Protein backbone atom coordinates (compact mmCIF):
# COMPACT_ATOMS: atom_id res chain seq x y z
CA MET A 1 0.03 0.00 0.00
CA ILE A 2 1.20 3.52 -0.82
CA THR A 3 1.18 5.54 2.39
CA SER A 4 3.17 8.64 1.52
CA SER A 5 2.28 11.49 -0.81
CA SER A 6 6.04 11.68 -1.49
CA ASN A 7 5.84 8.39 -3.31
CA PRO A 8 7.08 8.93 -6.93
CA GLN A 9 3.88 7.62 -8.38
CA MET A 10 1.80 10.02 -6.33
CA LYS A 11 4.04 12.93 -7.26
CA TRP A 12 3.63 11.95 -10.99
CA ILE A 13 -0.24 11.83 -10.62
CA VAL A 14 -0.17 15.40 -9.18
CA GLN A 15 2.05 16.64 -12.09
CA LEU A 16 -0.22 15.01 -14.69
CA ASN A 17 -3.30 16.73 -13.13
CA LYS A 18 -1.54 20.15 -13.03
CA LYS A 19 0.53 20.32 -16.10
CA ALA A 20 -0.60 19.89 -19.78
CA LYS A 21 3.06 19.73 -20.89
CA THR A 22 3.60 16.65 -18.66
CA ARG A 23 0.44 14.99 -19.95
CA TYR A 24 1.52 15.50 -23.63
CA GLU A 25 5.09 14.50 -23.11
CA GLN A 26 4.09 11.23 -21.50
CA ARG A 27 0.87 10.82 -23.56
CA VAL A 28 -1.00 9.92 -20.40
CA PHE A 29 -3.75 11.65 -18.46
CA VAL A 30 -5.68 11.03 -15.20
CA VAL A 31 -9.31 10.08 -14.97
CA GLU A 32 -11.02 10.08 -11.55
CA GLY A 33 -14.36 8.83 -10.28
CA ILE A 34 -16.32 5.61 -10.35
CA LYS A 35 -18.73 6.17 -13.22
CA ILE A 36 -16.34 7.91 -15.63
CA CYS A 37 -13.62 5.27 -14.94
CA GLN A 38 -16.09 2.59 -15.92
CA GLU A 39 -16.49 4.36 -19.25
CA ILE A 40 -12.77 4.13 -20.22
CA PRO A 41 -12.01 1.57 -23.02
CA SER A 42 -10.11 -1.18 -21.41
CA GLU A 43 -7.16 -0.95 -23.83
CA TRP A 44 -6.69 2.72 -22.85
CA ILE A 45 -6.11 1.99 -19.20
CA GLU A 46 -2.48 1.93 -18.16
CA LYS A 47 -2.84 1.67 -14.30
CA VAL A 48 -5.47 1.94 -11.67
CA TYR A 49 -5.13 3.49 -8.20
CA LEU A 50 -7.69 2.56 -5.49
CA SER A 51 -8.15 3.97 -2.09
CA GLU A 52 -7.99 1.77 0.99
CA SER A 53 -11.70 2.36 1.68
CA PHE A 54 -12.60 1.50 -2.01
CA CYS A 55 -10.93 -1.83 -1.69
CA LYS A 56 -13.09 -2.84 1.28
CA ASP A 57 -16.11 -3.24 -0.98
CA PRO A 58 -15.78 -6.52 -2.87
CA LYS A 59 -18.50 -5.61 -5.46
CA ARG A 60 -16.59 -2.43 -6.41
CA MET A 61 -13.37 -4.39 -6.56
CA GLU A 62 -14.60 -7.04 -9.00
CA GLN A 63 -14.28 -4.86 -12.12
CA TRP A 64 -10.66 -3.76 -11.36
CA GLN A 65 -9.03 -6.95 -10.28
CA GLY A 66 -7.76 -7.67 -13.82
CA TYR A 67 -5.94 -4.38 -14.24
CA PRO A 68 -2.54 -3.43 -12.88
CA HIS A 69 -3.49 -1.51 -9.69
CA GLU A 70 -2.09 -0.06 -6.50
CA VAL A 71 -3.78 0.56 -3.16
CA VAL A 72 -3.35 3.94 -1.64
CA SER A 73 -4.18 4.97 1.89
CA ASP A 74 -7.24 7.17 2.23
CA ARG A 75 -5.17 10.13 3.53
CA VAL A 76 -2.72 10.03 0.56
CA PHE A 77 -5.56 9.43 -2.03
CA GLN A 78 -7.26 12.60 -0.66
CA ALA A 79 -4.01 14.54 -0.98
CA VAL A 80 -3.42 13.63 -4.68
CA SER A 81 -7.08 13.78 -5.78
CA ASP A 82 -8.25 16.72 -7.91
CA THR A 83 -11.73 16.60 -6.40
CA LYS A 84 -12.97 17.66 -2.97
CA THR A 85 -14.77 14.46 -2.26
CA PRO A 86 -12.74 11.64 -3.95
CA GLN A 87 -14.59 8.37 -4.85
CA GLY A 88 -11.51 6.28 -4.21
CA ILE A 89 -10.55 5.41 -7.80
CA LEU A 90 -8.33 7.05 -10.42
CA CYS A 91 -6.93 5.58 -13.64
CA LEU A 92 -3.83 6.57 -15.71
CA VAL A 93 -5.09 6.58 -19.33
CA LYS A 94 -3.23 6.50 -22.53
CA MET A 95 -3.89 9.58 -24.57
CA PRO A 96 -5.59 8.76 -27.92
CA LYS A 97 -4.60 10.35 -31.20
CA TYR A 98 -6.87 10.92 -34.16
CA SER A 99 -6.22 12.20 -37.73
CA LEU A 100 -8.28 14.68 -39.53
CA GLU A 101 -9.86 11.86 -41.59
CA ASP A 102 -11.07 10.18 -38.29
CA ILE A 103 -13.12 13.37 -37.57
CA LEU A 104 -14.98 13.39 -41.02
CA GLY A 105 -17.01 10.16 -40.89
CA MET A 106 -19.50 9.23 -43.58
CA ASN A 107 -21.37 12.57 -43.55
CA PRO A 108 -19.35 15.06 -41.53
CA HIS A 109 -21.07 16.97 -38.76
CA ILE A 110 -18.20 18.79 -37.12
CA LEU A 111 -17.76 21.26 -34.31
CA VAL A 112 -14.80 23.67 -34.78
CA LEU A 113 -13.61 25.53 -31.66
CA GLU A 114 -11.32 28.58 -31.63
CA ASP A 115 -9.63 29.38 -28.42
CA ILE A 116 -12.44 28.17 -25.99
CA GLN A 117 -10.90 28.72 -22.52
CA ASP A 118 -13.49 27.48 -20.04
CA PRO A 119 -13.01 23.74 -19.13
CA GLY A 120 -16.70 23.30 -18.43
CA ASN A 121 -17.70 24.68 -21.77
CA LEU A 122 -15.29 22.40 -23.65
CA GLY A 123 -16.45 19.32 -21.79
CA THR A 124 -20.06 20.20 -22.21
CA MET A 125 -19.62 20.70 -25.86
CA LEU A 126 -18.13 17.16 -26.27
CA ARG A 127 -20.83 15.61 -24.20
CA THR A 128 -23.59 17.46 -26.14
CA GLY A 129 -21.91 16.84 -29.35
CA GLU A 130 -22.01 13.12 -28.79
CA GLY A 131 -25.72 13.32 -28.02
CA ALA A 132 -26.27 15.27 -31.18
CA GLY A 133 -24.40 12.84 -33.38
CA ILE A 134 -21.31 14.87 -34.32
CA THR A 135 -18.50 13.04 -36.17
CA GLY A 136 -15.88 14.92 -34.24
CA VAL A 137 -14.39 18.09 -32.82
CA ILE A 138 -11.59 20.27 -34.23
CA MET A 139 -9.78 22.65 -31.81
CA SER A 140 -7.29 25.39 -32.24
CA LYS A 141 -4.05 24.68 -30.33
CA SER A 142 -4.87 27.59 -27.98
CA THR A 143 -8.14 25.99 -26.81
CA VAL A 144 -8.09 24.78 -23.24
CA ASP A 145 -6.49 21.39 -22.85
CA LEU A 146 -8.92 18.59 -23.55
CA PHE A 147 -7.26 16.51 -20.85
CA HIS A 148 -7.59 19.12 -18.06
CA PRO A 149 -9.29 17.30 -15.04
CA LYS A 150 -12.29 19.71 -15.20
CA VAL A 151 -12.79 19.08 -18.87
CA ILE A 152 -12.64 15.31 -18.36
CA ARG A 153 -15.27 15.44 -15.68
CA SER A 154 -17.51 17.64 -17.75
CA THR A 155 -17.47 15.25 -20.74
CA MET A 156 -19.04 12.48 -18.51
CA GLY A 157 -17.20 9.84 -20.62
CA SER A 158 -17.80 11.42 -24.11
CA LEU A 159 -14.19 12.08 -24.33
CA PHE A 160 -13.60 8.32 -24.85
CA ARG A 161 -16.02 8.20 -27.81
CA VAL A 162 -15.89 11.56 -29.70
CA PRO A 163 -12.90 11.85 -32.09
CA PHE A 164 -11.00 15.15 -31.83
CA TYR A 165 -8.26 16.91 -33.80
CA ILE A 166 -6.00 19.67 -32.45
CA ALA A 167 -5.08 21.83 -35.41
CA GLU A 168 -1.67 23.43 -35.52
CA ASP A 169 -2.97 25.89 -38.07
CA LEU A 170 -6.76 26.18 -37.70
CA SER A 171 -7.01 28.39 -40.87
CA GLU A 172 -5.27 25.77 -42.94
CA THR A 173 -7.38 22.99 -41.50
CA LEU A 174 -10.59 24.85 -42.38
CA ARG A 175 -9.30 25.37 -45.95
CA GLU A 176 -8.87 21.54 -46.15
CA LEU A 177 -12.44 21.10 -45.03
CA LYS A 178 -13.71 23.40 -47.66
CA GLU A 179 -11.71 21.60 -50.29
CA LYS A 180 -13.53 18.40 -49.18
CA GLY A 181 -16.91 20.02 -49.70
CA ILE A 182 -17.74 20.65 -46.13
CA SER A 183 -19.92 23.79 -45.60
CA LEU A 184 -18.77 25.92 -42.75
CA TYR A 185 -21.13 28.07 -40.69
CA ALA A 186 -20.12 30.71 -38.18
CA ALA A 187 -22.18 31.56 -35.19
CA HIS A 188 -21.71 35.35 -35.45
CA LEU A 189 -23.34 38.56 -34.29
CA GLU A 190 -23.36 39.72 -37.93
CA GLY A 191 -25.27 36.73 -39.14
CA LYS A 192 -28.16 37.36 -41.46
CA LEU A 193 -29.48 33.85 -41.61
CA LEU A 194 -31.42 32.43 -38.66
CA TYR A 195 -29.68 29.29 -37.43
CA GLN A 196 -32.41 26.92 -38.53
CA GLU A 197 -32.57 28.23 -42.12
CA PRO A 198 -29.49 26.50 -43.80
CA ASP A 199 -29.66 22.92 -44.96
CA TYR A 200 -27.32 20.93 -42.65
CA ARG A 201 -28.24 17.50 -43.98
CA LYS A 202 -24.98 17.40 -46.03
CA SER A 203 -21.39 17.74 -44.76
CA CYS A 204 -21.06 20.73 -42.47
CA GLY A 205 -19.17 22.27 -39.59
CA PHE A 206 -19.95 24.95 -37.03
CA LEU A 207 -17.38 27.53 -35.93
CA ILE A 208 -17.58 28.57 -32.33
CA GLY A 209 -15.30 31.40 -30.96
CA ASN A 210 -13.75 32.28 -27.68
CA GLU A 211 -16.11 33.11 -24.81
CA GLY A 212 -15.02 36.74 -24.60
CA ASN A 213 -13.94 37.76 -27.99
CA GLY A 214 -15.85 35.42 -30.31
CA LEU A 215 -14.25 34.21 -33.59
CA SER A 216 -11.21 35.99 -34.86
CA LYS A 217 -11.68 37.78 -38.15
CA GLU A 218 -9.28 35.38 -40.00
CA ILE A 219 -11.33 32.35 -38.93
CA ALA A 220 -14.79 33.87 -39.36
CA GLU A 221 -13.96 34.94 -42.94
CA LEU A 222 -13.39 31.28 -43.86
CA ALA A 223 -17.13 30.50 -43.18
CA ASP A 224 -19.52 29.96 -45.98
CA ALA A 225 -22.30 31.79 -44.07
CA TYR A 226 -22.78 33.67 -40.81
CA ILE A 227 -25.71 32.41 -38.90
CA ARG A 228 -27.39 33.90 -35.80
CA ILE A 229 -29.49 32.81 -32.86
CA PRO A 230 -32.28 35.26 -32.27
CA MET A 231 -32.13 37.05 -28.91
CA GLU A 232 -34.76 38.73 -26.77
CA GLY A 233 -34.39 41.22 -24.08
CA ASN A 234 -30.92 42.83 -23.62
CA VAL A 235 -29.06 39.57 -24.18
CA GLU A 236 -26.44 39.95 -26.93
CA SER A 237 -25.30 36.32 -27.24
CA LEU A 238 -25.51 32.85 -25.58
CA ASN A 239 -22.90 30.92 -23.67
CA ALA A 240 -20.63 29.20 -26.25
CA ALA A 241 -21.63 25.65 -25.12
CA ILE A 242 -25.42 26.51 -25.31
CA ALA A 243 -25.04 28.12 -28.74
CA ALA A 244 -23.14 25.08 -29.95
CA ALA A 245 -25.84 22.83 -28.60
CA LEU A 246 -28.54 24.62 -30.58
CA LEU A 247 -26.61 24.28 -33.83
CA MET A 248 -25.64 20.71 -33.36
CA TYR A 249 -29.17 19.60 -32.47
CA GLU A 250 -30.69 21.52 -35.29
CA THR A 251 -28.42 19.47 -37.60
CA ASN A 252 -29.47 16.32 -35.76
CA ARG A 253 -33.18 17.32 -36.24
CA GLN A 254 -32.81 17.89 -39.97
CA ARG A 255 -30.90 14.71 -40.54
CA PHE A 256 -33.36 12.65 -38.35
CA CYS A 257 -36.32 14.00 -40.18
CA THR A 258 -34.79 13.19 -43.49
CA GLU A 259 -34.05 9.61 -42.46
CA ASN A 260 -37.56 9.07 -41.16
CA ASN A 261 -39.23 10.57 -44.21
CA ARG A 262 -37.45 8.19 -46.71
């Protein structure tokens, strides 16, 4: 049993939670919590750490006996946990890597994110995107790290199922999408079209900008059309994750209706 927070393994977990650089150098990240750990594909799991209290429940232990694991004292587990009320399990997980082709799918429905900074927003967009049937997410390299502990928790497991691509040059990546016949729509305050007006049944992608500044001019100009979500009262715009949800589900609605009318 590990009984000291000075243990090298415990120090490594703390570093992985705190530093994106460490995560990407090692290609490993930390997932914590009973339900979300159960969502991890088995081949992604590198090692499991279980608290002393967790191990006292035979039913909980059944699932994890076949994995390399270490038992950690409750005190030390609390010290290295990224949550206020640890559930007694965390996993070291191999970082997946996808190509741009993995994002496209049979009929691309893509979310493109420029410099999103709030971990909760990013995680929510992945989770909502899975529900809406997106084929993947493309992010600028300045977007908050997808493997930040708060992002991981917000995805509620969707991180393990939604392909993603971190673009070194977002502009160039968008030009590639356009060459492949994918129509790009920018959620923009200057939008003339209401968001439900375009036809999203064919290959499409939605551009969502930074929470404070919106889309940069360079990225916005690559859109085929600006679309807007109508606002009442004094509200100028919606939260980025909510705006993305409306657009993704409108696409889902159009495609679902088409399938059911055939």
